[in-house]
Amino acid sequence: MLALIIGLLLFLGVHSTRLFAPEWRLKRIAKLGLLPYKGVYALISLLGLLLIIWGYAQTRLDPTWLWMSPVWTRHLAALLTVPAFILLAATYIPGTHIKASVGHPMLLAVKFWAIAHLFANGTLADLLLFGSFLAWAIALYAVSRRRDRLAGVTYPTGRVAMDAAAVGAGLLGWLIFAMWLHSVLIGVKPFG
């Protein structure tokens, strides 16, 4: 459990510096230079991610159950991850109405993903992992949107074709992950 917690602190902490400690971040960039800073950022992120994966895998060997989720919550989770994949695709496909509307589709994708997994999983490790990502995404989304409003940031209106591309890419990604990769990488078949 300690590895999971340390991993979450490292990964989510480093991904929060731009918004929650912008002056500290700028001082580090000025001191190290942009590329070395990005290298350290990437290494800390990778270390945190590896600790999250390893720590979560360890907790699955001897889980501490907080609640038992009914089987139907697996189907709800699968349904809730569909918009997560579409929002994830909209993050990287330029010129969508989706990004113009929500501003930060990646953070909304994380919210959908985390909520979906909290419904379907009931261990202490699940609550720590998915609850931490949910709290982080909620806080970061609020701060990001407020920062955008204060700075007068607007996102260009998108095109329907780009929205269709995001929806198509998101659905394809969801199908591949739900039907194959989730089982291979996580060891759980969403529809098994």
C-alpha atoms as a PDB file:
ATOM      1  CA  MET A   1       0.000   0.000   0.000  1.00  0.00           C
ATOM      2  CA  LEU A   2       2.900   2.344   0.737  1.00  0.00           C
ATOM      3  CA  ALA A   3       4.244   2.014  -2.828  1.00  0.00           C
ATOM      4  CA  LEU A   4       0.803   2.922  -4.214  1.00  0.00           C
ATOM      5  CA  ILE A   5       0.557   5.994  -1.977  1.00  0.00           C
ATOM      6  CA  ILE A   6       4.088   7.178  -2.786  1.00  0.00           C
ATOM      7  CA  GLY A   7       3.446   6.605  -6.479  1.00  0.00           C
ATOM      8  CA  LEU A   8       0.232   8.640  -6.346  1.00  0.00           C
ATOM      9  CA  LEU A   9       1.981  11.467  -4.510  1.00  0.00           C
ATOM     10  CA  LEU A  10       4.813  11.552  -7.049  1.00  0.00           C
ATOM     11  CA  PHE A  11       2.679  11.212 -10.182  1.00  0.00           C
ATOM     12  CA  LEU A  12      -0.164  13.518  -9.201  1.00  0.00           C
ATOM     13  CA  GLY A  13       2.171  15.921  -7.421  1.00  0.00           C
ATOM     14  CA  VAL A  14       4.404  16.493 -10.423  1.00  0.00           C
ATOM     15  CA  HIS A  15       1.317  16.843 -12.638  1.00  0.00           C
ATOM     16  CA  SER A  16      -0.006  19.573 -10.344  1.00  0.00           C
ATOM     17  CA  THR A  17       2.992  21.913 -10.164  1.00  0.00           C
ATOM     18  CA  ARG A  18       2.046  24.103 -13.118  1.00  0.00           C
ATOM     19  CA  LEU A  19      -1.227  25.116 -11.522  1.00  0.00           C
ATOM     20  CA  PHE A  20      -0.657  24.768  -7.795  1.00  0.00           C
ATOM     21  CA  ALA A  21       2.974  25.908  -7.597  1.00  0.00           C
ATOM     22  CA  PRO A  22       3.584  27.958 -10.761  1.00  0.00           C
ATOM     23  CA  GLU A  23       6.270  30.203  -9.246  1.00  0.00           C
ATOM     24  CA  TRP A  24       8.204  27.210  -7.897  1.00  0.00           C
ATOM     25  CA  ARG A  25       7.960  25.562 -11.327  1.00  0.00           C
ATOM     26  CA  LEU A  26       9.228  28.672 -13.117  1.00  0.00           C
ATOM     27  CA  LYS A  27      12.166  28.955 -10.690  1.00  0.00           C
ATOM     28  CA  ARG A  28      13.134  25.319 -11.362  1.00  0.00           C
ATOM     29  CA  ILE A  29      12.920  25.881 -15.135  1.00  0.00           C
ATOM     30  CA  ALA A  30      15.055  29.024 -14.828  1.00  0.00           C
ATOM     31  CA  LYS A  31      17.611  27.175 -12.711  1.00  0.00           C
ATOM     32  CA  LEU A  32      17.770  23.917 -14.717  1.00  0.00           C
ATOM     33  CA  GLY A  33      16.630  24.971 -18.201  1.00  0.00           C
ATOM     34  CA  LEU A  34      13.468  23.781 -19.940  1.00  0.00           C
ATOM     35  CA  LEU A  35      14.726  20.482 -21.362  1.00  0.00           C
ATOM     36  CA  PRO A  36      16.436  19.291 -18.160  1.00  0.00           C
ATOM     37  CA  TYR A  37      13.315  20.293 -16.213  1.00  0.00           C
ATOM     38  CA  LYS A  38      11.158  18.257 -18.594  1.00  0.00           C
ATOM     39  CA  GLY A  39      13.558  15.337 -18.187  1.00  0.00           C
ATOM     40  CA  VAL A  40      13.282  15.421 -14.393  1.00  0.00           C
ATOM     41  CA  TYR A  41       9.489  15.838 -14.723  1.00  0.00           C
ATOM     42  CA  ALA A  42       9.309  12.793 -17.007  1.00  0.00           C
ATOM     43  CA  LEU A  43      11.496  10.682 -14.698  1.00  0.00           C
ATOM     44  CA  ILE A  44       9.441  11.561 -11.620  1.00  0.00           C
ATOM     45  CA  SER A  45       6.227  10.865 -13.560  1.00  0.00           C
ATOM     46  CA  LEU A  46       7.540   7.503 -14.742  1.00  0.00           C
ATOM     47  CA  LEU A  47       8.730   6.538 -11.262  1.00  0.00           C
ATOM     48  CA  GLY A  48       5.345   7.517  -9.831  1.00  0.00           C
ATOM     49  CA  LEU A  49       3.484   5.556 -12.496  1.00  0.00           C
ATOM     50  CA  LEU A  50       5.631   2.463 -11.953  1.00  0.00           C
ATOM     51  CA  LEU A  51       5.073   2.669  -8.182  1.00  0.00           C
ATOM     52  CA  ILE A  52       1.313   3.059  -8.748  1.00  0.00           C
ATOM     53  CA  ILE A  53       1.233  -0.015 -10.998  1.00  0.00           C
ATOM     54  CA  TRP A  54       3.400  -2.120  -8.705  1.00  0.00           C
ATOM     55  CA  GLY A  55       1.708  -0.940  -5.509  1.00  0.00           C
ATOM     56  CA  TYR A  56      -1.787  -1.508  -6.894  1.00  0.00           C
ATOM     57  CA  ALA A  57      -0.814  -4.977  -8.150  1.00  0.00           C
ATOM     58  CA  GLN A  58       0.521  -5.842  -4.689  1.00  0.00           C
ATOM     59  CA  THR A  59      -2.700  -4.753  -2.993  1.00  0.00           C
ATOM     60  CA  ARG A  60      -4.716  -7.003  -5.299  1.00  0.00           C
ATOM     61  CA  LEU A  61      -2.953 -10.026  -3.786  1.00  0.00           C
ATOM     62  CA  ASP A  62      -4.512  -9.381  -0.358  1.00  0.00           C
ATOM     63  CA  PRO A  63      -7.295  -6.801  -0.822  1.00  0.00           C
ATOM     64  CA  THR A  64      -8.969  -4.879   1.979  1.00  0.00           C
ATOM     65  CA  TRP A  65     -12.639  -4.805   0.985  1.00  0.00           C
ATOM     66  CA  LEU A  66     -14.671  -1.724   1.845  1.00  0.00           C
ATOM     67  CA  TRP A  67     -17.749  -2.681  -0.172  1.00  0.00           C
ATOM     68  CA  MET A  68     -18.832  -5.336  -2.639  1.00  0.00           C
ATOM     69  CA  SER A  69     -20.000  -3.856  -5.921  1.00  0.00           C
ATOM     70  CA  PRO A  70     -22.889  -5.615  -7.672  1.00  0.00           C
ATOM     71  CA  VAL A  71     -22.058  -7.243 -11.016  1.00  0.00           C
ATOM     72  CA  TRP A  72     -24.122  -4.661 -12.931  1.00  0.00           C
ATOM     73  CA  THR A  73     -21.638  -1.948 -11.916  1.00  0.00           C
ATOM     74  CA  ARG A  74     -19.119  -3.508 -14.319  1.00  0.00           C
ATOM     75  CA  HIS A  75     -21.498  -2.676 -17.167  1.00  0.00           C
ATOM     76  CA  LEU A  76     -22.024   0.821 -15.791  1.00  0.00           C
ATOM     77  CA  ALA A  77     -18.254   1.266 -15.627  1.00  0.00           C
ATOM     78  CA  ALA A  78     -17.906   0.094 -19.222  1.00  0.00           C
ATOM     79  CA  LEU A  79     -20.567   2.590 -20.282  1.00  0.00           C
ATOM     80  CA  LEU A  80     -18.958   5.471 -18.362  1.00  0.00           C
ATOM     81  CA  THR A  81     -15.584   4.819 -19.930  1.00  0.00           C
ATOM     82  CA  VAL A  82     -17.008   5.439 -23.424  1.00  0.00           C
ATOM     83  CA  PRO A  83     -17.139   9.240 -22.908  1.00  0.00           C
ATOM     84  CA  ALA A  84     -13.733   9.019 -21.206  1.00  0.00           C
ATOM     85  CA  PHE A  85     -12.199   7.613 -24.388  1.00  0.00           C
ATOM     86  CA  ILE A  86     -14.017  10.152 -26.580  1.00  0.00           C
ATOM     87  CA  LEU A  87     -12.814  13.020 -24.371  1.00  0.00           C
ATOM     88  CA  LEU A  88      -9.300  11.577 -24.433  1.00  0.00           C
ATOM     89  CA  ALA A  89      -9.379  11.519 -28.236  1.00  0.00           C
ATOM     90  CA  ALA A  90     -10.730  15.099 -28.296  1.00  0.00           C
ATOM     91  CA  THR A  91      -7.685  16.143 -26.275  1.00  0.00           C
ATOM     92  CA  TYR A  92      -5.389  15.247 -29.162  1.00  0.00           C
ATOM     93  CA  ILE A  93      -7.593  15.904 -32.205  1.00  0.00           C
ATOM     94  CA  PRO A  94      -7.495  19.629 -32.959  1.00  0.00           C
ATOM     95  CA  GLY A  95     -10.527  21.680 -33.901  1.00  0.00           C
ATOM     96  CA  THR A  96     -13.323  19.891 -32.038  1.00  0.00           C
ATOM     97  CA  HIS A  97     -16.442  21.443 -30.553  1.00  0.00           C
ATOM     98  CA  ILE A  98     -15.738  19.188 -27.588  1.00  0.00           C
ATOM     99  CA  LYS A  99     -12.498  20.967 -26.676  1.00  0.00           C
ATOM    100  CA  ALA A 100     -14.063  24.363 -27.426  1.00  0.00           C
ATOM    101  CA  SER A 101     -16.894  23.549 -25.008  1.00  0.00           C
ATOM    102  CA  VAL A 102     -15.050  21.958 -22.106  1.00  0.00           C
ATOM    103  CA  GLY A 103     -11.575  23.447 -22.476  1.00  0.00           C
ATOM    104  CA  HIS A 104      -9.749  20.560 -20.819  1.00  0.00           C
ATOM    105  CA  PRO A 105     -11.159  17.278 -22.123  1.00  0.00           C
ATOM    106  CA  MET A 106      -8.307  15.185 -20.664  1.00  0.00           C
ATOM    107  CA  LEU A 107      -9.310  16.138 -17.123  1.00  0.00           C
ATOM    108  CA  LEU A 108     -12.956  15.292 -17.826  1.00  0.00           C
ATOM    109  CA  ALA A 109     -11.817  11.949 -19.264  1.00  0.00           C
ATOM    110  CA  VAL A 110      -9.961  11.222 -16.022  1.00  0.00           C
ATOM    111  CA  LYS A 111     -13.123  12.074 -14.044  1.00  0.00           C
ATOM    112  CA  PHE A 112     -15.254   9.650 -16.069  1.00  0.00           C
ATOM    113  CA  TRP A 113     -12.580   6.938 -15.829  1.00  0.00           C
ATOM    114  CA  ALA A 114     -12.175   7.349 -12.070  1.00  0.00           C
ATOM    115  CA  ILE A 115     -15.908   7.454 -11.304  1.00  0.00           C
ATOM    116  CA  ALA A 116     -16.510   4.396 -13.483  1.00  0.00           C
ATOM    117  CA  HIS A 117     -13.878   2.413 -11.613  1.00  0.00           C
ATOM    118  CA  LEU A 118     -15.067   3.560  -8.186  1.00  0.00           C
ATOM    119  CA  PHE A 119     -18.530   2.200  -8.988  1.00  0.00           C
ATOM    120  CA  ALA A 120     -17.177  -1.185 -10.036  1.00  0.00           C
ATOM    121  CA  ASN A 121     -14.420  -1.737  -7.453  1.00  0.00           C
ATOM    122  CA  GLY A 122     -14.631  -1.715  -3.699  1.00  0.00           C
ATOM    123  CA  THR A 123     -11.206  -2.207  -2.143  1.00  0.00           C
ATOM    124  CA  LEU A 124      -9.180   0.284  -0.147  1.00  0.00           C
ATOM    125  CA  ALA A 125      -6.593   0.341  -2.949  1.00  0.00           C
ATOM    126  CA  ASP A 126      -9.339   1.137  -5.485  1.00  0.00           C
ATOM    127  CA  LEU A 127     -10.581   3.977  -3.329  1.00  0.00           C
ATOM    128  CA  LEU A 128      -7.037   5.354  -2.999  1.00  0.00           C
ATOM    129  CA  LEU A 129      -6.178   4.975  -6.688  1.00  0.00           C
ATOM    130  CA  PHE A 130      -9.384   6.068  -8.372  1.00  0.00           C
ATOM    131  CA  GLY A 131     -10.435   8.458  -5.602  1.00  0.00           C
ATOM    132  CA  SER A 132      -7.075  10.244  -5.771  1.00  0.00           C
ATOM    133  CA  PHE A 133      -7.286  10.633  -9.532  1.00  0.00           C
ATOM    134  CA  LEU A 134     -10.889  11.849  -9.248  1.00  0.00           C
ATOM    135  CA  ALA A 135     -10.051  14.446  -6.587  1.00  0.00           C
ATOM    136  CA  TRP A 136      -6.997  15.571  -8.586  1.00  0.00           C
ATOM    137  CA  ALA A 137      -8.990  15.912 -11.824  1.00  0.00           C
ATOM    138  CA  ILE A 138     -11.803  17.845 -10.109  1.00  0.00           C
ATOM    139  CA  ALA A 139      -9.369  20.277  -8.472  1.00  0.00           C
ATOM    140  CA  LEU A 140      -7.210  20.707 -11.564  1.00  0.00           C
ATOM    141  CA  TYR A 141     -10.232  21.204 -13.829  1.00  0.00           C
ATOM    142  CA  ALA A 142     -11.630  23.925 -11.540  1.00  0.00           C
ATOM    143  CA  VAL A 143      -8.270  25.695 -11.324  1.00  0.00           C
ATOM    144  CA  SER A 144      -7.677  25.375 -15.082  1.00  0.00           C
ATOM    145  CA  ARG A 145     -11.092  26.752 -16.027  1.00  0.00           C
ATOM    146  CA  ARG A 146     -10.728  29.638 -13.564  1.00  0.00           C
ATOM    147  CA  ARG A 147      -7.261  30.401 -14.947  1.00  0.00           C
ATOM    148  CA  ASP A 148      -8.681  30.345 -18.486  1.00  0.00           C
ATOM    149  CA  ARG A 149     -11.468  32.762 -17.549  1.00  0.00           C
ATOM    150  CA  LEU A 150      -9.075  35.162 -15.799  1.00  0.00           C
ATOM    151  CA  ALA A 151      -6.673  35.091 -18.739  1.00  0.00           C
ATOM    152  CA  GLY A 152      -9.505  35.466 -21.273  1.00  0.00           C
ATOM    153  CA  VAL A 153      -8.605  32.159 -22.940  1.00  0.00           C
ATOM    154  CA  THR A 154     -11.088  30.998 -25.535  1.00  0.00           C
ATOM    155  CA  TYR A 155     -10.863  27.883 -27.624  1.00  0.00           C
ATOM    156  CA  PRO A 156     -11.615  28.109 -31.333  1.00  0.00           C
ATOM    157  CA  THR A 157     -14.951  26.735 -32.420  1.00  0.00           C
ATOM    158  CA  GLY A 158     -14.593  23.298 -33.824  1.00  0.00           C
ATOM    159  CA  ARG A 159     -15.827  21.532 -36.889  1.00  0.00           C
ATOM    160  CA  VAL A 160     -18.324  18.682 -36.955  1.00  0.00           C
ATOM    161  CA  ALA A 161     -15.887  16.543 -38.958  1.00  0.00           C
ATOM    162  CA  MET A 162     -13.297  16.845 -36.199  1.00  0.00           C
ATOM    163  CA  ASP A 163     -15.895  15.925 -33.567  1.00  0.00           C
ATOM    164  CA  ALA A 164     -16.794  12.871 -35.651  1.00  0.00           C
ATOM    165  CA  ALA A 165     -13.108  11.962 -35.802  1.00  0.00           C
ATOM    166  CA  ALA A 166     -12.812  12.290 -32.004  1.00  0.00           C
ATOM    167  CA  VAL A 167     -15.927  10.179 -31.448  1.00  0.00           C
ATOM    168  CA  GLY A 168     -14.730   7.567 -33.939  1.00  0.00           C
ATOM    169  CA  ALA A 169     -11.208   7.413 -32.500  1.00  0.00           C
ATOM    170  CA  GLY A 170     -12.589   7.317 -28.962  1.00  0.00           C
ATOM    171  CA  LEU A 171     -14.997   4.477 -29.739  1.00  0.00           C
ATOM    172  CA  LEU A 172     -12.294   2.512 -31.534  1.00  0.00           C
ATOM    173  CA  GLY A 173      -9.905   3.008 -28.611  1.00  0.00           C
ATOM    174  CA  TRP A 174     -12.621   1.983 -26.162  1.00  0.00           C
ATOM    175  CA  LEU A 175     -13.422  -1.187 -28.150  1.00  0.00           C
ATOM    176  CA  ILE A 176      -9.768  -2.221 -28.347  1.00  0.00           C
ATOM    177  CA  PHE A 177      -9.202  -1.530 -24.666  1.00  0.00           C
ATOM    178  CA  ALA A 178     -12.463  -3.034 -23.371  1.00  0.00           C
ATOM    179  CA  MET A 179     -12.339  -6.149 -25.520  1.00  0.00           C
ATOM    180  CA  TRP A 180      -8.633  -6.922 -25.392  1.00  0.00           C
ATOM    181  CA  LEU A 181      -6.124  -4.570 -23.731  1.00  0.00           C
ATOM    182  CA  HIS A 182      -7.850  -4.299 -20.343  1.00  0.00           C
ATOM    183  CA  SER A 183      -7.534  -8.051 -19.924  1.00  0.00           C
ATOM    184  CA  VAL A 184      -3.928  -8.121 -21.159  1.00  0.00           C
ATOM    185  CA  LEU A 185      -2.701  -5.130 -19.121  1.00  0.00           C
ATOM    186  CA  ILE A 186      -4.929  -5.213 -16.033  1.00  0.00           C
ATOM    187  CA  GLY A 187      -5.897  -8.875 -15.859  1.00  0.00           C
ATOM    188  CA  VAL A 188      -9.633  -8.143 -15.715  1.00  0.00           C
ATOM    189  CA  LYS A 189     -12.103  -8.733 -18.548  1.00  0.00           C
ATOM    190  CA  PRO A 190     -14.759  -5.993 -18.417  1.00  0.00           C
ATOM    191  CA  PHE A 191     -17.210  -8.266 -20.204  1.00  0.00           C
ATOM    192  CA  GLY A 192     -15.871 -11.602 -18.973  1.00  0.00           C
END
